[in-house]
């Protein structure tokens, strides 16, 4: 997944960059580096985003399904 694909994917599942950073447990600087291509996007992150998009899952759905507390 390229940085541009990542950026588009987070918006398609209804997240802002700030929300995506919080959801993936990274700071916004790291997220921006993924988008810019400076850092590679971790494969589990890419896989989760692809799955969320394919099955129309929102971040709230994922958190509910994994029993993770929402902040």
PDB file of N, CA and C in Angstrom:
ATOM      1  N   UNK A   1       0.856  -1.169   0.000  1.00  0.00           N
ATOM      2  CA  UNK A   1       0.000   0.000   0.000  1.00  0.00           C
ATOM      3  C   UNK A   1       0.903   1.233   0.000  1.00  0.00           C
ATOM      4  N   UNK A   2       0.630   2.126  -0.909  1.00  0.00           N
ATOM      5  CA  UNK A   2       1.384   3.376  -0.965  1.00  0.00           C
ATOM      6  C   UNK A   2       0.828   4.364   0.052  1.00  0.00           C
ATOM      7  N   UNK A   3       1.563   5.425   0.278  1.00  0.00           N
ATOM      8  CA  UNK A   3       1.090   6.472   1.174  1.00  0.00           C
ATOM      9  C   UNK A   3      -0.208   7.090   0.692  1.00  0.00           C
ATOM     10  N   UNK A   4      -0.313   7.308  -0.608  1.00  0.00           N
ATOM     11  CA  UNK A   4      -1.536   7.887  -1.174  1.00  0.00           C
ATOM     12  C   UNK A   4      -2.716   6.927  -0.997  1.00  0.00           C
ATOM     13  N   UNK A   5      -2.494   5.646  -1.228  1.00  0.00           N
ATOM     14  CA  UNK A   5      -3.552   4.650  -1.019  1.00  0.00           C
ATOM     15  C   UNK A   5      -3.969   4.603   0.449  1.00  0.00           C
ATOM     16  N   UNK A   6      -2.988   4.716   1.329  1.00  0.00           N
ATOM     17  CA  UNK A   6      -3.274   4.734   2.758  1.00  0.00           C
ATOM     18  C   UNK A   6      -4.129   5.943   3.105  1.00  0.00           C
ATOM     19  N   UNK A   7      -3.737   7.105   2.634  1.00  0.00           N
ATOM     20  CA  UNK A   7      -4.497   8.337   2.910  1.00  0.00           C
ATOM     21  C   UNK A   7      -5.927   8.197   2.433  1.00  0.00           C
ATOM     22  N   UNK A   8      -6.111   7.694   1.212  1.00  0.00           N
ATOM     23  CA  UNK A   8      -7.460   7.511   0.675  1.00  0.00           C
ATOM     24  C   UNK A   8      -8.247   6.492   1.499  1.00  0.00           C
ATOM     25  N   UNK A   9      -7.586   5.427   1.926  1.00  0.00           N
ATOM     26  CA  UNK A   9      -8.260   4.358   2.671  1.00  0.00           C
ATOM     27  C   UNK A   9      -8.768   4.851   4.021  1.00  0.00           C
ATOM     28  N   UNK A  10      -7.969   5.658   4.716  1.00  0.00           N
ATOM     29  CA  UNK A  10      -8.441   6.114   6.024  1.00  0.00           C
ATOM     30  C   UNK A  10      -9.668   7.011   5.870  1.00  0.00           C
ATOM     31  N   UNK A  11      -9.716   7.805   4.799  1.00  0.00           N
ATOM     32  CA  UNK A  11     -10.884   8.647   4.571  1.00  0.00           C
ATOM     33  C   UNK A  11     -12.091   7.812   4.145  1.00  0.00           C
ATOM     34  N   UNK A  12     -11.859   6.760   3.367  1.00  0.00           N
ATOM     35  CA  UNK A  12     -12.959   5.897   2.920  1.00  0.00           C
ATOM     36  C   UNK A  12     -13.642   5.185   4.074  1.00  0.00           C
ATOM     37  N   UNK A  13     -12.894   4.883   5.120  1.00  0.00           N
ATOM     38  CA  UNK A  13     -13.502   4.227   6.275  1.00  0.00           C
ATOM     39  C   UNK A  13     -13.984   5.239   7.318  1.00  0.00           C
ATOM     40  N   UNK A  14     -13.894   6.515   6.980  1.00  0.00           N
ATOM     41  CA  UNK A  14     -14.475   7.555   7.823  1.00  0.00           C
ATOM     42  C   UNK A  14     -13.587   8.123   8.905  1.00  0.00           C
ATOM     43  N   UNK A  15     -12.275   8.067   8.710  1.00  0.00           N
ATOM     44  CA  UNK A  15     -11.365   8.615   9.719  1.00  0.00           C
ATOM     45  C   UNK A  15     -10.612   9.826   9.182  1.00  0.00           C
ATOM     46  N   UNK A  16     -10.343  10.743  10.071  1.00  0.00           N
ATOM     47  CA  UNK A  16      -9.407  11.825   9.770  1.00  0.00           C
ATOM     48  C   UNK A  16      -8.007  11.296  10.065  1.00  0.00           C
ATOM     49  N   UNK A  17      -6.995  12.061   9.725  1.00  0.00           N
ATOM     50  CA  UNK A  17      -5.632  11.638  10.040  1.00  0.00           C
ATOM     51  C   UNK A  17      -5.432  11.556  11.547  1.00  0.00           C
ATOM     52  N   UNK A  18      -6.007  12.496  12.278  1.00  0.00           N
ATOM     53  CA  UNK A  18      -5.891  12.484  13.736  1.00  0.00           C
ATOM     54  C   UNK A  18      -6.553  11.238  14.315  1.00  0.00           C
ATOM     55  N   UNK A  19      -7.754  10.933  13.840  1.00  0.00           N
ATOM     56  CA  UNK A  19      -8.469   9.750  14.327  1.00  0.00           C
ATOM     57  C   UNK A  19      -7.729   8.469  13.950  1.00  0.00           C
ATOM     58  N   UNK A  20      -7.156   8.433  12.755  1.00  0.00           N
ATOM     59  CA  UNK A  20      -6.416   7.245  12.318  1.00  0.00           C
ATOM     60  C   UNK A  20      -5.183   7.026  13.183  1.00  0.00           C
ATOM     61  N   UNK A  21      -4.494   8.096  13.517  1.00  0.00           N
ATOM     62  CA  UNK A  21      -3.316   7.968  14.382  1.00  0.00           C
ATOM     63  C   UNK A  21      -3.728   7.385  15.731  1.00  0.00           C
ATOM     64  N   UNK A  22      -4.807   7.890  16.285  1.00  0.00           N
ATOM     65  CA  UNK A  22      -5.298   7.389  17.571  1.00  0.00           C
ATOM     66  C   UNK A  22      -5.723   5.923  17.435  1.00  0.00           C
ATOM     67  N   UNK A  23      -6.442   5.591  16.366  1.00  0.00           N
ATOM     68  CA  UNK A  23      -6.938   4.234  16.141  1.00  0.00           C
ATOM     69  C   UNK A  23      -5.796   3.229  16.035  1.00  0.00           C
ATOM     70  N   UNK A  24      -4.730   3.600  15.323  1.00  0.00           N
ATOM     71  CA  UNK A  24      -3.597   2.695  15.134  1.00  0.00           C
ATOM     72  C   UNK A  24      -2.553   2.792  16.240  1.00  0.00           C
ATOM     73  N   UNK A  25      -2.774   3.693  17.195  1.00  0.00           N
ATOM     74  CA  UNK A  25      -1.879   3.784  18.339  1.00  0.00           C
ATOM     75  C   UNK A  25      -0.527   4.393  18.043  1.00  0.00           C
ATOM     76  N   UNK A  26      -0.512   5.336  17.098  1.00  0.00           N
ATOM     77  CA  UNK A  26       0.733   6.034  16.763  1.00  0.00           C
ATOM     78  C   UNK A  26       0.500   7.536  16.881  1.00  0.00           C
ATOM     79  N   UNK A  27       1.578   8.298  16.894  1.00  0.00           N
ATOM     80  CA  UNK A  27       1.389   9.750  16.926  1.00  0.00           C
ATOM     81  C   UNK A  27       1.153  10.247  15.502  1.00  0.00           C
ATOM     82  N   UNK A  28       0.666  11.459  15.401  1.00  0.00           N
ATOM     83  CA  UNK A  28       0.328  12.017  14.088  1.00  0.00           C
ATOM     84  C   UNK A  28       1.553  12.177  13.193  1.00  0.00           C
ATOM     85  N   UNK A  29       2.702  12.403  13.784  1.00  0.00           N
ATOM     86  CA  UNK A  29       3.926  12.522  12.986  1.00  0.00           C
ATOM     87  C   UNK A  29       4.219  11.213  12.267  1.00  0.00           C
ATOM     88  N   UNK A  30       4.106  10.106  12.967  1.00  0.00           N
ATOM     89  CA  UNK A  30       4.333   8.801  12.334  1.00  0.00           C
ATOM     90  C   UNK A  30       3.337   8.567  11.213  1.00  0.00           C
ATOM     91  N   UNK A  31       2.082   8.891  11.467  1.00  0.00           N
ATOM     92  CA  UNK A  31       1.059   8.702  10.441  1.00  0.00           C
ATOM     93  C   UNK A  31       1.374   9.538   9.202  1.00  0.00           C
ATOM     94  N   UNK A  32       1.773  10.774   9.401  1.00  0.00           N
ATOM     95  CA  UNK A  32       2.127  11.630   8.252  1.00  0.00           C
ATOM     96  C   UNK A  32       3.328  11.069   7.496  1.00  0.00           C
ATOM     97  N   UNK A  33       4.248  10.452   8.220  1.00  0.00           N
ATOM     98  CA  UNK A  33       5.407   9.841   7.558  1.00  0.00           C
ATOM     99  C   UNK A  33       4.988   8.629   6.735  1.00  0.00           C
ATOM    100  N   UNK A  34       3.991   7.882   7.193  1.00  0.00           N
ATOM    101  CA  UNK A  34       3.457   6.780   6.386  1.00  0.00           C
ATOM    102  C   UNK A  34       2.851   7.333   5.097  1.00  0.00           C
ATOM    103  N   UNK A  35       2.071   8.402   5.236  1.00  0.00           N
ATOM    104  CA  UNK A  35       1.409   8.991   4.074  1.00  0.00           C
ATOM    105  C   UNK A  35       2.428   9.550   3.081  1.00  0.00           C
ATOM    106  N   UNK A  36       3.465  10.180   3.595  1.00  0.00           N
ATOM    107  CA  UNK A  36       4.470  10.786   2.707  1.00  0.00           C
ATOM    108  C   UNK A  36       5.395   9.758   2.064  1.00  0.00           C
ATOM    109  N   UNK A  37       5.397   8.542   2.604  1.00  0.00           N
ATOM    110  CA  UNK A  37       6.288   7.516   2.088  1.00  0.00           C
ATOM    111  C   UNK A  37       7.641   7.490   2.776  1.00  0.00           C
ATOM    112  N   UNK A  38       7.832   8.368   3.743  1.00  0.00           N
ATOM    113  CA  UNK A  38       9.104   8.391   4.470  1.00  0.00           C
ATOM    114  C   UNK A  38       9.292   7.112   5.286  1.00  0.00           C
ATOM    115  N   UNK A  39       8.199   6.608   5.873  1.00  0.00           N
ATOM    116  CA  UNK A  39       8.208   5.336   6.603  1.00  0.00           C
ATOM    117  C   UNK A  39       7.265   4.381   5.886  1.00  0.00           C
ATOM    118  N   UNK A  40       7.609   3.093   5.842  1.00  0.00           N
ATOM    119  CA  UNK A  40       6.676   2.137   5.228  1.00  0.00           C
ATOM    120  C   UNK A  40       5.461   1.928   6.134  1.00  0.00           C
ATOM    121  N   UNK A  41       4.340   1.671   5.514  1.00  0.00           N
ATOM    122  CA  UNK A  41       3.117   1.394   6.255  1.00  0.00           C
ATOM    123  C   UNK A  41       3.199  -0.056   6.744  1.00  0.00           C
ATOM    124  N   UNK A  42       3.051  -0.278   8.035  1.00  0.00           N
ATOM    125  CA  UNK A  42       3.126  -1.650   8.533  1.00  0.00           C
ATOM    126  C   UNK A  42       2.071  -2.535   7.862  1.00  0.00           C
ATOM    127  N   UNK A  43       2.469  -3.726   7.486  1.00  0.00           N
ATOM    128  CA  UNK A  43       1.553  -4.628   6.783  1.00  0.00           C
ATOM    129  C   UNK A  43       0.269  -4.899   7.558  1.00  0.00           C
ATOM    130  N   UNK A  44       0.315  -5.114   8.885  1.00  0.00           N
ATOM    131  CA  UNK A  44      -0.957  -5.326   9.597  1.00  0.00           C
ATOM    132  C   UNK A  44      -1.902  -4.126   9.500  1.00  0.00           C
ATOM    133  N   UNK A  45      -1.359  -2.922   9.477  1.00  0.00           N
ATOM    134  CA  UNK A  45      -2.180  -1.718   9.339  1.00  0.00           C
ATOM    135  C   UNK A  45      -2.843  -1.707   7.961  1.00  0.00           C
ATOM    136  N   UNK A  46      -2.070  -1.980   6.928  1.00  0.00           N
ATOM    137  CA  UNK A  46      -2.611  -2.021   5.569  1.00  0.00           C
ATOM    138  C   UNK A  46      -3.683  -3.102   5.442  1.00  0.00           C
ATOM    139  N   UNK A  47      -3.422  -4.270   6.026  1.00  0.00           N
ATOM    140  CA  UNK A  47      -4.385  -5.365   5.949  1.00  0.00           C
ATOM    141  C   UNK A  47      -5.687  -5.001   6.654  1.00  0.00           C
ATOM    142  N   UNK A  48      -5.591  -4.378   7.813  1.00  0.00           N
ATOM    143  CA  UNK A  48      -6.794  -3.986   8.539  1.00  0.00           C
ATOM    144  C   UNK A  48      -7.596  -2.959   7.750  1.00  0.00           C
ATOM    145  N   UNK A  49      -6.924  -1.964   7.190  1.00  0.00           N
ATOM    146  CA  UNK A  49      -7.638  -0.960   6.401  1.00  0.00           C
ATOM    147  C   UNK A  49      -8.321  -1.578   5.187  1.00  0.00           C
ATOM    148  N   UNK A  50      -7.639  -2.481   4.498  1.00  0.00           N
ATOM    149  CA  UNK A  50      -8.242  -3.142   3.339  1.00  0.00           C
ATOM    150  C   UNK A  50      -9.465  -3.949   3.750  1.00  0.00           C
ATOM    151  N   UNK A  51      -9.367  -4.634   4.872  1.00  0.00           N
ATOM    152  CA  UNK A  51     -10.492  -5.427   5.374  1.00  0.00           C
ATOM    153  C   UNK A  51     -11.658  -4.523   5.770  1.00  0.00           C
ATOM    154  N   UNK A  52     -11.356  -3.432   6.452  1.00  0.00           N
ATOM    155  CA  UNK A  52     -12.401  -2.489   6.847  1.00  0.00           C
ATOM    156  C   UNK A  52     -13.129  -1.955   5.625  1.00  0.00           C
ATOM    157  N   UNK A  53     -12.378  -1.597   4.590  1.00  0.00           N
ATOM    158  CA  UNK A  53     -13.002  -1.068   3.389  1.00  0.00           C
ATOM    159  C   UNK A  53     -13.841  -2.128   2.687  1.00  0.00           C
ATOM    160  N   UNK A  54     -13.290  -3.322   2.543  1.00  0.00           N
ATOM    161  CA  UNK A  54     -13.994  -4.394   1.825  1.00  0.00           C
ATOM    162  C   UNK A  54     -15.324  -4.760   2.490  1.00  0.00           C
ATOM    163  N   UNK A  55     -15.344  -4.782   3.819  1.00  0.00           N
ATOM    164  CA  UNK A  55     -16.534  -5.197   4.544  1.00  0.00           C
ATOM    165  C   UNK A  55     -17.313  -4.032   5.164  1.00  0.00           C
ATOM    166  N   UNK A  56     -16.998  -2.824   4.723  1.00  0.00           N
ATOM    167  CA  UNK A  56     -17.691  -1.612   5.187  1.00  0.00           C
ATOM    168  C   UNK A  56     -17.717  -1.504   6.707  1.00  0.00           C
ATOM    169  N   UNK A  57     -16.575  -1.761   7.319  1.00  0.00           N
ATOM    170  CA  UNK A  57     -16.457  -1.651   8.767  1.00  0.00           C
ATOM    171  C   UNK A  57     -15.971  -0.262   9.148  1.00  0.00           C
ATOM    172  N   UNK A  58     -16.600   0.297  10.145  1.00  0.00           N
ATOM    173  CA  UNK A  58     -16.145   1.573  10.675  1.00  0.00           C
ATOM    174  C   UNK A  58     -15.146   1.308  11.801  1.00  0.00           C
ATOM    175  N   UNK A  59     -14.402   2.313  12.194  1.00  0.00           N
ATOM    176  CA  UNK A  59     -13.518   2.122  13.348  1.00  0.00           C
ATOM    177  C   UNK A  59     -14.299   1.677  14.591  1.00  0.00           C
ATOM    178  N   UNK A  60     -15.506   2.204  14.757  1.00  0.00           N
ATOM    179  CA  UNK A  60     -16.336   1.827  15.898  1.00  0.00           C
ATOM    180  C   UNK A  60     -16.686   0.342  15.848  1.00  0.00           C
ATOM    181  N   UNK A  61     -16.991  -0.187  14.638  1.00  0.00           N
ATOM    182  CA  UNK A  61     -17.273  -1.612  14.487  1.00  0.00           C
ATOM    183  C   UNK A  61     -16.072  -2.436  14.926  1.00  0.00           C
ATOM    184  N   UNK A  62     -14.907  -2.064  14.465  1.00  0.00           N
ATOM    185  CA  UNK A  62     -13.696  -2.814  14.787  1.00  0.00           C
ATOM    186  C   UNK A  62     -13.452  -2.793  16.292  1.00  0.00           C
ATOM    187  N   UNK A  63     -13.595  -1.637  16.901  1.00  0.00           N
ATOM    188  CA  UNK A  63     -13.381  -1.537  18.341  1.00  0.00           C
ATOM    189  C   UNK A  63     -14.396  -2.396  19.100  1.00  0.00           C
ATOM    190  N   UNK A  64     -15.631  -2.403  18.639  1.00  0.00           N
ATOM    191  CA  UNK A  64     -16.662  -3.208  19.285  1.00  0.00           C
ATOM    192  C   UNK A  64     -16.350  -4.691  19.126  1.00  0.00           C
ATOM    193  N   UNK A  65     -15.949  -5.100  17.931  1.00  0.00           N
ATOM    194  CA  UNK A  65     -15.663  -6.515  17.661  1.00  0.00           C
ATOM    195  C   UNK A  65     -14.437  -7.015  18.407  1.00  0.00           C
ATOM    196  N   UNK A  66     -13.524  -6.125  18.705  1.00  0.00           N
ATOM    197  CA  UNK A  66     -12.300  -6.537  19.400  1.00  0.00           C
ATOM    198  C   UNK A  66     -12.357  -6.238  20.891  1.00  0.00           C
ATOM    199  N   UNK A  67     -13.501  -5.747  21.356  1.00  0.00           N
ATOM    200  CA  UNK A  67     -13.696  -5.424  22.768  1.00  0.00           C
ATOM    201  C   UNK A  67     -12.707  -4.404  23.292  1.00  0.00           C
ATOM    202  N   UNK A  68     -12.227  -3.542  22.393  1.00  0.00           N
ATOM    203  CA  UNK A  68     -11.292  -2.492  22.803  1.00  0.00           C
ATOM    204  C   UNK A  68     -12.085  -1.281  23.261  1.00  0.00           C
ATOM    205  N   UNK A  69     -11.683  -0.668  24.332  1.00  0.00           N
ATOM    206  CA  UNK A  69     -12.394   0.512  24.849  1.00  0.00           C
ATOM    207  C   UNK A  69     -12.198   1.684  23.912  1.00  0.00           C
ATOM    208  N   UNK A  70     -13.277   2.421  23.698  1.00  0.00           N
ATOM    209  CA  UNK A  70     -13.181   3.632  22.896  1.00  0.00           C
ATOM    210  C   UNK A  70     -12.773   4.769  23.797  1.00  0.00           C
ATOM    211  N   UNK A  71     -11.973   5.659  23.237  1.00  0.00           N
ATOM    212  CA  UNK A  71     -11.542   6.828  23.996  1.00  0.00           C
ATOM    213  C   UNK A  71     -12.255   8.044  23.503  1.00  0.00           C
TER     214      UNK A  71
END
